[in-house]
Full PDB file with SEQRES, HELIX, SHEET, SSBOND, CRYST1, ORIGX, SCALE, CONECT and MASTER records, all heavy atoms in Angstrom:
SEQRES   1 A   35  GLY ILE ILE ASP TYR ALA ILE SER LYS GLY ILE LYS PRO          
SEQRES   2 A   35  MET VAL TRP GLY TYR SER SER ALA TYR PHE ASP SER GLU          
SEQRES   3 A   35  GLU ARG LYS LYS ARG PHE LYS GLU LEU                          
HELIX    1 AA1 ILE A    2  SER A    8  1                                   7    
HELIX    2 AA2 SER A   19  TYR A   22  5                                   4    
HELIX    3 AA3 SER A   25  GLU A   34  1                                  10    
CRYST1    1.000    1.000    1.000  90.00  90.00  90.00 P 1           1          
ORIGX1      1.000000  0.000000  0.000000        0.00000                         
ORIGX2      0.000000  1.000000  0.000000        0.00000                         
ORIGX3      0.000000  0.000000  1.000000        0.00000                         
SCALE1      1.000000  0.000000  0.000000        0.00000                         
SCALE2      0.000000  1.000000  0.000000        0.00000                         
SCALE3      0.000000  0.000000  1.000000        0.00000                         
ATOM      1  N   GLY A   1       0.792  -1.223   0.000  1.00  0.00           N  
ATOM      2  CA  GLY A   1       0.000   0.000   0.000  1.00  0.00           C  
ATOM      3  C   GLY A   1       0.826   1.276   0.000  1.00  0.00           C  
ATOM      4  O   GLY A   1       0.556   2.220   0.752  1.00  0.00           O  
ATOM      5  N   ILE A   2       1.831   1.329  -0.876  1.00  0.00           N  
ATOM      6  CA  ILE A   2       2.750   2.475  -0.853  1.00  0.00           C  
ATOM      7  C   ILE A   2       2.074   3.785  -1.260  1.00  0.00           C  
ATOM      8  O   ILE A   2       2.471   4.860  -0.804  1.00  0.00           O  
ATOM      9  CB  ILE A   2       3.989   2.212  -1.738  1.00  0.00           C  
ATOM     10  CG1 ILE A   2       3.589   1.975  -3.206  1.00  0.00           C  
ATOM     11  CG2 ILE A   2       4.798   1.035  -1.202  1.00  0.00           C  
ATOM     12  CD1 ILE A   2       4.766   1.850  -4.155  1.00  0.00           C  
ATOM     13  N   ILE A   3       1.052   3.705  -2.115  1.00  0.00           N  
ATOM     14  CA  ILE A   3       0.343   4.924  -2.528  1.00  0.00           C  
ATOM     15  C   ILE A   3      -0.382   5.528  -1.330  1.00  0.00           C  
ATOM     16  O   ILE A   3      -0.258   6.729  -1.032  1.00  0.00           O  
ATOM     17  CB  ILE A   3      -0.654   4.629  -3.666  1.00  0.00           C  
ATOM     18  CG1 ILE A   3       0.068   4.059  -4.887  1.00  0.00           C  
ATOM     19  CG2 ILE A   3      -1.447   5.893  -4.022  1.00  0.00           C  
ATOM     20  CD1 ILE A   3       1.047   4.993  -5.535  1.00  0.00           C  
ATOM     21  N   ASP A   4      -1.141   4.710  -0.634  1.00  0.00           N  
ATOM     22  CA  ASP A   4      -1.882   5.205   0.534  1.00  0.00           C  
ATOM     23  C   ASP A   4      -0.941   5.704   1.621  1.00  0.00           C  
ATOM     24  O   ASP A   4      -1.244   6.685   2.311  1.00  0.00           O  
ATOM     25  CB  ASP A   4      -2.790   4.105   1.095  1.00  0.00           C  
ATOM     26  CG  ASP A   4      -3.978   3.817   0.195  1.00  0.00           C  
ATOM     27  OD1 ASP A   4      -4.290   4.683  -0.660  1.00  0.00           O  
ATOM     28  OD2 ASP A   4      -4.589   2.743   0.342  1.00  0.00           O  
ATOM     29  N   TYR A   5       0.201   5.051   1.771  1.00  0.00           N  
ATOM     30  CA  TYR A   5       1.157   5.501   2.785  1.00  0.00           C  
ATOM     31  C   TYR A   5       1.679   6.895   2.449  1.00  0.00           C  
ATOM     32  O   TYR A   5       1.761   7.766   3.329  1.00  0.00           O  
ATOM     33  CB  TYR A   5       2.322   4.513   2.891  1.00  0.00           C  
ATOM     34  CG  TYR A   5       3.331   4.905   3.951  1.00  0.00           C  
ATOM     35  CD1 TYR A   5       3.066   4.662   5.303  1.00  0.00           C  
ATOM     36  CD2 TYR A   5       4.527   5.533   3.614  1.00  0.00           C  
ATOM     37  CE1 TYR A   5       3.981   5.030   6.287  1.00  0.00           C  
ATOM     38  CE2 TYR A   5       5.440   5.907   4.583  1.00  0.00           C  
ATOM     39  CZ  TYR A   5       5.164   5.655   5.922  1.00  0.00           C  
ATOM     40  OH  TYR A   5       6.064   6.046   6.904  1.00  0.00           O  
ATOM     41  N   ALA A   6       2.018   7.106   1.176  1.00  0.00           N  
ATOM     42  CA  ALA A   6       2.500   8.431   0.775  1.00  0.00           C  
ATOM     43  C   ALA A   6       1.439   9.491   1.030  1.00  0.00           C  
ATOM     44  O   ALA A   6       1.728  10.566   1.580  1.00  0.00           O  
ATOM     45  CB  ALA A   6       2.905   8.418  -0.697  1.00  0.00           C  
ATOM     46  N   ILE A   7       0.218   9.203   0.646  1.00  0.00           N  
ATOM     47  CA  ILE A   7      -0.868  10.168   0.841  1.00  0.00           C  
ATOM     48  C   ILE A   7      -1.068  10.467   2.317  1.00  0.00           C  
ATOM     49  O   ILE A   7      -1.287  11.623   2.715  1.00  0.00           O  
ATOM     50  CB  ILE A   7      -2.168   9.639   0.195  1.00  0.00           C  
ATOM     51  CG1 ILE A   7      -1.998   9.567  -1.335  1.00  0.00           C  
ATOM     52  CG2 ILE A   7      -3.360  10.523   0.557  1.00  0.00           C  
ATOM     53  CD1 ILE A   7      -3.114   8.833  -2.048  1.00  0.00           C  
ATOM     54  N   SER A   8      -0.940   9.426   3.165  1.00  0.00           N  
ATOM     55  CA  SER A   8      -1.117   9.630   4.611  1.00  0.00           C  
ATOM     56  C   SER A   8      -0.043  10.532   5.200  1.00  0.00           C  
ATOM     57  O   SER A   8      -0.253  11.175   6.234  1.00  0.00           O  
ATOM     58  CB  SER A   8      -1.106   8.275   5.337  1.00  0.00           C  
ATOM     59  OG  SER A   8       0.218   7.732   5.405  1.00  0.00           O  
ATOM     60  N   LYS A   9       1.116  10.593   4.524  1.00  0.00           N  
ATOM     61  CA  LYS A   9       2.220  11.440   4.974  1.00  0.00           C  
ATOM     62  C   LYS A   9       2.189  12.830   4.341  1.00  0.00           C  
ATOM     63  O   LYS A   9       3.111  13.634   4.541  1.00  0.00           O  
ATOM     64  CB  LYS A   9       3.561  10.764   4.642  1.00  0.00           C  
ATOM     65  CG  LYS A   9       3.833   9.491   5.443  1.00  0.00           C  
ATOM     66  CD  LYS A   9       4.125   9.834   6.898  1.00  0.00           C  
ATOM     67  CE  LYS A   9       4.540   8.605   7.687  1.00  0.00           C  
ATOM     68  NZ  LYS A   9       4.920   8.939   9.078  1.00  0.00           N  
ATOM     69  N   GLY A  10       1.156  13.085   3.543  1.00  0.00           N  
ATOM     70  CA  GLY A  10       1.048  14.384   2.886  1.00  0.00           C  
ATOM     71  C   GLY A  10       1.931  14.519   1.663  1.00  0.00           C  
ATOM     72  O   GLY A  10       2.182  15.637   1.190  1.00  0.00           O  
ATOM     73  N   ILE A  11       2.407  13.414   1.134  1.00  0.00           N  
ATOM     74  CA  ILE A  11       3.280  13.409  -0.048  1.00  0.00           C  
ATOM     75  C   ILE A  11       2.473  12.963  -1.266  1.00  0.00           C  
ATOM     76  O   ILE A  11       1.718  11.982  -1.206  1.00  0.00           O  
ATOM     77  CB  ILE A  11       4.484  12.465   0.160  1.00  0.00           C  
ATOM     78  CG1 ILE A  11       5.290  12.900   1.389  1.00  0.00           C  
ATOM     79  CG2 ILE A  11       5.366  12.447  -1.085  1.00  0.00           C  
ATOM     80  CD1 ILE A  11       5.829  14.311   1.325  1.00  0.00           C  
ATOM     81  N   LYS A  12       2.650  13.656  -2.370  1.00  0.00           N  
ATOM     82  CA  LYS A  12       1.923  13.346  -3.593  1.00  0.00           C  
ATOM     83  C   LYS A  12       2.708  12.327  -4.412  1.00  0.00           C  
ATOM     84  O   LYS A  12       3.829  12.612  -4.843  1.00  0.00           O  
ATOM     85  CB  LYS A  12       1.699  14.615  -4.407  1.00  0.00           C  
ATOM     86  CG  LYS A  12       0.872  15.662  -3.672  1.00  0.00           C  
ATOM     87  CD  LYS A  12       0.748  16.945  -4.468  1.00  0.00           C  
ATOM     88  CE  LYS A  12      -0.070  17.971  -3.693  1.00  0.00           C  
ATOM     89  NZ  LYS A  12      -0.244  19.234  -4.446  1.00  0.00           N  
ATOM     90  N   PRO A  13       2.130  11.149  -4.637  1.00  0.00           N  
ATOM     91  CA  PRO A  13       2.862  10.108  -5.366  1.00  0.00           C  
ATOM     92  C   PRO A  13       2.792  10.293  -6.881  1.00  0.00           C  
ATOM     93  O   PRO A  13       1.768  10.685  -7.439  1.00  0.00           O  
ATOM     94  CB  PRO A  13       2.153   8.819  -4.950  1.00  0.00           C  
ATOM     95  CG  PRO A  13       0.768   9.244  -4.583  1.00  0.00           C  
ATOM     96  CD  PRO A  13       0.855  10.654  -4.083  1.00  0.00           C  
ATOM     97  N   MET A  14       3.923   9.998  -7.525  1.00  0.00           N  
ATOM     98  CA  MET A  14       4.010   9.929  -8.978  1.00  0.00           C  
ATOM     99  C   MET A  14       4.523   8.536  -9.326  1.00  0.00           C  
ATOM    100  O   MET A  14       5.306   7.960  -8.563  1.00  0.00           O  
ATOM    101  CB  MET A  14       4.940  11.011  -9.513  1.00  0.00           C  
ATOM    102  CG  MET A  14       4.548  12.415  -9.072  1.00  0.00           C  
ATOM    103  SD  MET A  14       5.683  13.697  -9.651  1.00  0.00           S  
ATOM    104  CE  MET A  14       5.278  13.711 -11.392  1.00  0.00           C  
ATOM    105  N   VAL A  15       4.098   8.007 -10.479  1.00  0.00           N  
ATOM    106  CA  VAL A  15       4.439   6.618 -10.797  1.00  0.00           C  
ATOM    107  C   VAL A  15       4.963   6.494 -12.221  1.00  0.00           C  
ATOM    108  O   VAL A  15       4.690   7.326 -13.087  1.00  0.00           O  
ATOM    109  CB  VAL A  15       3.224   5.683 -10.618  1.00  0.00           C  
ATOM    110  CG1 VAL A  15       2.759   5.688  -9.161  1.00  0.00           C  
ATOM    111  CG2 VAL A  15       2.081   6.063 -11.553  1.00  0.00           C  
ATOM    112  N   TRP A  16       5.725   5.402 -12.435  1.00  0.00           N  
ATOM    113  CA  TRP A  16       6.343   5.096 -13.725  1.00  0.00           C  
ATOM    114  C   TRP A  16       5.389   4.283 -14.591  1.00  0.00           C  
ATOM    115  O   TRP A  16       4.579   3.486 -14.099  1.00  0.00           O  
ATOM    116  CB  TRP A  16       7.623   4.316 -13.474  1.00  0.00           C  
ATOM    117  CG  TRP A  16       8.415   3.919 -14.689  1.00  0.00           C  
ATOM    118  CD1 TRP A  16       9.424   4.615 -15.282  1.00  0.00           C  
ATOM    119  CD2 TRP A  16       8.277   2.697 -15.445  1.00  0.00           C  
ATOM    120  NE1 TRP A  16       9.926   3.920 -16.364  1.00  0.00           N  
ATOM    121  CE2 TRP A  16       9.236   2.746 -16.491  1.00  0.00           C  
ATOM    122  CE3 TRP A  16       7.429   1.589 -15.350  1.00  0.00           C  
ATOM    123  CZ2 TRP A  16       9.381   1.716 -17.424  1.00  0.00           C  
ATOM    124  CZ3 TRP A  16       7.556   0.570 -16.290  1.00  0.00           C  
ATOM    125  CH2 TRP A  16       8.534   0.637 -17.307  1.00  0.00           C  
ATOM    126  N   GLY A  17       5.505   4.430 -15.917  1.00  0.00           N  
ATOM    127  CA  GLY A  17       4.760   3.597 -16.850  1.00  0.00           C  
ATOM    128  C   GLY A  17       5.515   3.442 -18.148  1.00  0.00           C  
ATOM    129  O   GLY A  17       6.398   4.251 -18.479  1.00  0.00           O  
ATOM    130  N   TYR A  18       5.181   2.403 -18.911  1.00  0.00           N  
ATOM    131  CA  TYR A  18       5.836   2.131 -20.191  1.00  0.00           C  
ATOM    132  C   TYR A  18       5.007   2.755 -21.310  1.00  0.00           C  
ATOM    133  O   TYR A  18       3.775   2.694 -21.311  1.00  0.00           O  
ATOM    134  CB  TYR A  18       5.980   0.626 -20.406  1.00  0.00           C  
ATOM    135  CG  TYR A  18       6.967   0.259 -21.486  1.00  0.00           C  
ATOM    136  CD1 TYR A  18       8.317   0.115 -21.198  1.00  0.00           C  
ATOM    137  CD2 TYR A  18       6.554   0.080 -22.803  1.00  0.00           C  
ATOM    138  CE1 TYR A  18       9.232  -0.213 -22.191  1.00  0.00           C  
ATOM    139  CE2 TYR A  18       7.461  -0.250 -23.808  1.00  0.00           C  
ATOM    140  CZ  TYR A  18       8.798  -0.390 -23.497  1.00  0.00           C  
ATOM    141  OH  TYR A  18       9.706  -0.710 -24.479  1.00  0.00           O  
ATOM    142  N   SER A  19       5.681   3.340 -22.290  1.00  0.00           N  
ATOM    143  CA  SER A  19       5.004   4.129 -23.329  1.00  0.00           C  
ATOM    144  C   SER A  19       3.918   3.356 -24.071  1.00  0.00           C  
ATOM    145  O   SER A  19       2.847   3.907 -24.361  1.00  0.00           O  
ATOM    146  CB  SER A  19       6.032   4.652 -24.332  1.00  0.00           C  
ATOM    147  OG  SER A  19       6.750   3.577 -24.919  1.00  0.00           O  
ATOM    148  N   SER A  20       4.180   2.101 -24.395  1.00  0.00           N  
ATOM    149  CA  SER A  20       3.211   1.347 -25.196  1.00  0.00           C  
ATOM    150  C   SER A  20       1.875   1.188 -24.488  1.00  0.00           C  
ATOM    151  O   SER A  20       0.832   1.026 -25.129  1.00  0.00           O  
ATOM    152  CB  SER A  20       3.774  -0.028 -25.570  1.00  0.00           C  
ATOM    153  OG  SER A  20       4.082  -0.774 -24.409  1.00  0.00           O  
ATOM    154  N   ALA A  21       1.882   1.254 -23.152  1.00  0.00           N  
ATOM    155  CA  ALA A  21       0.631   1.158 -22.398  1.00  0.00           C  
ATOM    156  C   ALA A  21      -0.177   2.444 -22.460  1.00  0.00           C  
ATOM    157  O   ALA A  21      -1.344   2.471 -22.037  1.00  0.00           O  
ATOM    158  CB  ALA A  21       0.938   0.806 -20.937  1.00  0.00           C  
ATOM    159  N   TYR A  22       0.424   3.509 -22.969  1.00  0.00           N  
ATOM    160  CA  TYR A  22      -0.256   4.807 -23.037  1.00  0.00           C  
ATOM    161  C   TYR A  22      -0.403   5.289 -24.479  1.00  0.00           C  
ATOM    162  O   TYR A  22      -0.724   6.452 -24.711  1.00  0.00           O  
ATOM    163  CB  TYR A  22       0.525   5.849 -22.227  1.00  0.00           C  
ATOM    164  CG  TYR A  22       0.506   5.574 -20.746  1.00  0.00           C  
ATOM    165  CD1 TYR A  22       1.457   4.741 -20.159  1.00  0.00           C  
ATOM    166  CD2 TYR A  22      -0.467   6.135 -19.926  1.00  0.00           C  
ATOM    167  CE1 TYR A  22       1.437   4.476 -18.804  1.00  0.00           C  
ATOM    168  CE2 TYR A  22      -0.494   5.880 -18.567  1.00  0.00           C  
ATOM    169  CZ  TYR A  22       0.460   5.043 -18.016  1.00  0.00           C  
ATOM    170  OH  TYR A  22       0.430   4.782 -16.666  1.00  0.00           O  
ATOM    171  N   PHE A  23      -0.205   4.399 -25.444  1.00  0.00           N  
ATOM    172  CA  PHE A  23      -0.245   4.809 -26.841  1.00  0.00           C  
ATOM    173  C   PHE A  23      -1.663   4.749 -27.408  1.00  0.00           C  
ATOM    174  O   PHE A  23      -2.087   5.651 -28.125  1.00  0.00           O  
ATOM    175  CB  PHE A  23       0.700   3.936 -27.668  1.00  0.00           C  
ATOM    176  CG  PHE A  23       1.027   4.519 -29.009  1.00  0.00           C  
ATOM    177  CD1 PHE A  23       1.923   5.580 -29.116  1.00  0.00           C  
ATOM    178  CD2 PHE A  23       0.439   4.029 -30.171  1.00  0.00           C  
ATOM    179  CE1 PHE A  23       2.223   6.145 -30.346  1.00  0.00           C  
ATOM    180  CE2 PHE A  23       0.739   4.581 -31.404  1.00  0.00           C  
ATOM    181  CZ  PHE A  23       1.629   5.639 -31.494  1.00  0.00           C  
ATOM    182  N   ASP A  24      -2.392   3.698 -27.077  1.00  0.00           N  
ATOM    183  CA  ASP A  24      -3.779   3.581 -27.531  1.00  0.00           C  
ATOM    184  C   ASP A  24      -4.663   4.548 -26.750  1.00  0.00           C  
ATOM    185  O   ASP A  24      -4.609   4.616 -25.517  1.00  0.00           O  
ATOM    186  CB  ASP A  24      -4.279   2.146 -27.337  1.00  0.00           C  
ATOM    187  CG  ASP A  24      -5.729   1.982 -27.716  1.00  0.00           C  
ATOM    188  OD1 ASP A  24      -6.028   1.901 -28.917  1.00  0.00           O  
ATOM    189  OD2 ASP A  24      -6.578   1.983 -26.788  1.00  0.00           O  
ATOM    190  N   SER A  25      -5.510   5.281 -27.448  1.00  0.00           N  
ATOM    191  CA  SER A  25      -6.309   6.348 -26.838  1.00  0.00           C  
ATOM    192  C   SER A  25      -7.211   5.837 -25.716  1.00  0.00           C  
ATOM    193  O   SER A  25      -7.219   6.392 -24.609  1.00  0.00           O  
ATOM    194  CB  SER A  25      -7.151   7.040 -27.912  1.00  0.00           C  
ATOM    195  OG  SER A  25      -8.005   7.995 -27.339  1.00  0.00           O  
ATOM    196  N   GLU A  26      -7.983   4.799 -25.979  1.00  0.00           N  
ATOM    197  CA  GLU A  26      -8.935   4.306 -24.977  1.00  0.00           C  
ATOM    198  C   GLU A  26      -8.226   3.698 -23.778  1.00  0.00           C  
ATOM    199  O   GLU A  26      -8.619   3.913 -22.631  1.00  0.00           O  
ATOM    200  CB  GLU A  26      -9.893   3.289 -25.612  1.00  0.00           C  
ATOM    201  CG  GLU A  26     -10.824   3.891 -26.655  1.00  0.00           C  
ATOM    202  CD  GLU A  26     -11.587   5.100 -26.117  1.00  0.00           C  
ATOM    203  OE1 GLU A  26     -12.143   5.011 -25.000  1.00  0.00           O  
ATOM    204  OE2 GLU A  26     -11.609   6.139 -26.802  1.00  0.00           O  
ATOM    205  N   GLU A  27      -7.179   2.921 -24.036  1.00  0.00           N  
ATOM    206  CA  GLU A  27      -6.410   2.332 -22.936  1.00  0.00           C  
ATOM    207  C   GLU A  27      -5.757   3.415 -22.081  1.00  0.00           C  
ATOM    208  O   GLU A  27      -5.684   3.312 -20.851  1.00  0.00           O  
ATOM    209  CB  GLU A  27      -5.346   1.377 -23.484  1.00  0.00           C  
ATOM    210  CG  GLU A  27      -5.901   0.086 -24.048  1.00  0.00           C  
ATOM    211  CD  GLU A  27      -6.612  -0.742 -22.982  1.00  0.00           C  
ATOM    212  OE1 GLU A  27      -6.081  -0.857 -21.852  1.00  0.00           O  
ATOM    213  OE2 GLU A  27      -7.714  -1.243 -23.275  1.00  0.00           O  
ATOM    214  N   ARG A  28      -5.252   4.454 -22.740  1.00  0.00           N  
ATOM    215  CA  ARG A  28      -4.614   5.561 -22.025  1.00  0.00           C  
ATOM    216  C   ARG A  28      -5.607   6.274 -21.110  1.00  0.00           C  
ATOM    217  O   ARG A  28      -5.320   6.516 -19.932  1.00  0.00           O  
ATOM    218  CB  ARG A  28      -4.022   6.546 -23.034  1.00  0.00           C  
ATOM    219  CG  ARG A  28      -3.412   7.777 -22.399  1.00  0.00           C  
ATOM    220  CD  ARG A  28      -2.716   8.642 -23.429  1.00  0.00           C  
ATOM    221  NE  ARG A  28      -3.607   9.150 -24.449  1.00  0.00           N  
ATOM    222  CZ  ARG A  28      -3.524   8.858 -25.746  1.00  0.00           C  
ATOM    223  NH1 ARG A  28      -2.582   8.052 -26.178  1.00  0.00           N  
ATOM    224  NH2 ARG A  28      -4.376   9.367 -26.615  1.00  0.00           N  
ATOM    225  N   LYS A  29      -6.745   6.611 -21.632  1.00  0.00           N  
ATOM    226  CA  LYS A  29      -7.759   7.316 -20.833  1.00  0.00           C  
ATOM    227  C   LYS A  29      -8.200   6.472 -19.638  1.00  0.00           C  
ATOM    228  O   LYS A  29      -8.363   6.981 -18.520  1.00  0.00           O  
ATOM    229  CB  LYS A  29      -8.961   7.678 -21.699  1.00  0.00           C  
ATOM    230  CG  LYS A  29      -8.654   8.745 -22.730  1.00  0.00           C  
ATOM    231  CD  LYS A  29      -9.831   8.951 -23.681  1.00  0.00           C  
ATOM    232  CE  LYS A  29      -9.492   9.986 -24.738  1.00  0.00           C  
ATOM    233  NZ  LYS A  29     -10.574  10.147 -25.733  1.00  0.00           N  
ATOM    234  N   LYS A  30      -8.382   5.182 -19.877  1.00  0.00           N  
ATOM    235  CA  LYS A  30      -8.774   4.265 -18.800  1.00  0.00           C  
ATOM    236  C   LYS A  30      -7.686   4.203 -17.730  1.00  0.00           C  
ATOM    237  O   LYS A  30      -7.977   4.266 -16.523  1.00  0.00           O  
ATOM    238  CB  LYS A  30      -9.024   2.869 -19.382  1.00  0.00           C  
ATOM    239  CG  LYS A  30      -9.403   1.818 -18.350  1.00  0.00           C  
ATOM    240  CD  LYS A  30      -9.572   0.452 -19.019  1.00  0.00           C  
ATOM    241  CE  LYS A  30      -9.848  -0.627 -17.983  1.00  0.00           C  
ATOM    242  NZ  LYS A  30      -9.946  -1.978 -18.615  1.00  0.00           N  
ATOM    243  N   ARG A  31      -6.432   4.119 -18.161  1.00  0.00           N  
ATOM    244  CA  ARG A  31      -5.316   4.024 -17.215  1.00  0.00           C  
ATOM    245  C   ARG A  31      -5.169   5.307 -16.413  1.00  0.00           C  
ATOM    246  O   ARG A  31      -4.957   5.268 -15.190  1.00  0.00           O  
ATOM    247  CB  ARG A  31      -4.024   3.725 -17.980  1.00  0.00           C  
ATOM    248  CG  ARG A  31      -2.802   3.501 -17.098  1.00  0.00           C  
ATOM    249  CD  ARG A  31      -3.007   2.358 -16.146  1.00  0.00           C  
ATOM    250  NE  ARG A  31      -1.796   2.025 -15.426  1.00  0.00           N  
ATOM    251  CZ  ARG A  31      -1.772   1.430 -14.235  1.00  0.00           C  
ATOM    252  NH1 ARG A  31      -2.919   1.117 -13.626  1.00  0.00           N  
ATOM    253  NH2 ARG A  31      -0.629   1.144 -13.646  1.00  0.00           N  
ATOM    254  N   PHE A  32      -5.274   6.456 -17.067  1.00  0.00           N  
ATOM    255  CA  PHE A  32      -5.163   7.728 -16.349  1.00  0.00           C  
ATOM    256  C   PHE A  32      -6.252   7.850 -15.286  1.00  0.00           C  
ATOM    257  O   PHE A  32      -5.997   8.337 -14.179  1.00  0.00           O  
ATOM    258  CB  PHE A  32      -5.252   8.898 -17.326  1.00  0.00           C  
ATOM    259  CG  PHE A  32      -3.978   9.181 -18.074  1.00  0.00           C  
ATOM    260  CD1 PHE A  32      -3.999   9.886 -19.273  1.00  0.00           C  
ATOM    261  CD2 PHE A  32      -2.743   8.764 -17.589  1.00  0.00           C  
ATOM    262  CE1 PHE A  32      -2.826  10.165 -19.965  1.00  0.00           C  
ATOM    263  CE2 PHE A  32      -1.563   9.031 -18.275  1.00  0.00           C  
ATOM    264  CZ  PHE A  32      -1.612   9.733 -19.464  1.00  0.00           C  
ATOM    265  N   LYS A  33      -7.455   7.423 -15.612  1.00  0.00           N  
ATOM    266  CA  LYS A  33      -8.543   7.511 -14.623  1.00  0.00           C  
ATOM    267  C   LYS A  33      -8.269   6.606 -13.431  1.00  0.00           C  
ATOM    268  O   LYS A  33      -8.485   6.997 -12.277  1.00  0.00           O  
ATOM    269  CB  LYS A  33      -9.886   7.143 -15.267  1.00  0.00           C  
ATOM    270  CG  LYS A  33     -11.085   7.400 -14.334  1.00  0.00           C  
ATOM    271  CD  LYS A  33     -12.396   7.126 -14.998  1.00  0.00           C  
ATOM    272  CE  LYS A  33     -13.543   7.610 -14.109  1.00  0.00           C  
ATOM    273  NZ  LYS A  33     -13.436   7.191 -12.693  1.00  0.00           N  
ATOM    274  N   GLU A  34      -7.758   5.402 -13.701  1.00  0.00           N  
ATOM    275  CA  GLU A  34      -7.413   4.482 -12.613  1.00  0.00           C  
ATOM    276  C   GLU A  34      -6.359   5.098 -11.691  1.00  0.00           C  
ATOM    277  O   GLU A  34      -6.483   5.027 -10.457  1.00  0.00           O  
ATOM    278  CB  GLU A  34      -6.897   3.162 -13.184  1.00  0.00           C  
ATOM    279  CG  GLU A  34      -7.935   2.325 -13.886  1.00  0.00           C  
ATOM    280  CD  GLU A  34      -7.330   1.128 -14.606  1.00  0.00           C  
ATOM    281  OE1 GLU A  34      -6.078   1.042 -14.700  1.00  0.00           O  
ATOM    282  OE2 GLU A  34      -8.104   0.275 -15.078  1.00  0.00           O  
ATOM    283  N   LEU A  35      -5.332   5.690 -12.286  1.00  0.00           N  
ATOM    284  CA  LEU A  35      -4.261   6.292 -11.487  1.00  0.00           C  
ATOM    285  C   LEU A  35      -4.794   7.456 -10.658  1.00  0.00           C  
ATOM    286  O   LEU A  35      -4.467   7.588  -9.471  1.00  0.00           O  
ATOM    287  CB  LEU A  35      -3.126   6.759 -12.400  1.00  0.00           C  
ATOM    288  CG  LEU A  35      -2.371   5.672 -13.179  1.00  0.00           C  
ATOM    289  CD1 LEU A  35      -1.320   6.310 -14.083  1.00  0.00           C  
ATOM    290  CD2 LEU A  35      -1.725   4.658 -12.244  1.00  0.00           C  
TER     291      LEU A  35                                                      
MASTER        0    0    0    3    0    0    0    6  290    1    0    3          
END                                                                             
């Protein structure tokens, strides 16, 4: 639960991703909403 831990400490988390997972329009929009 590293995301929740960061938020509990008042720190804004940023995360890594691979380009091909963000190339397709629909998949990208879905992934951004999840994040």
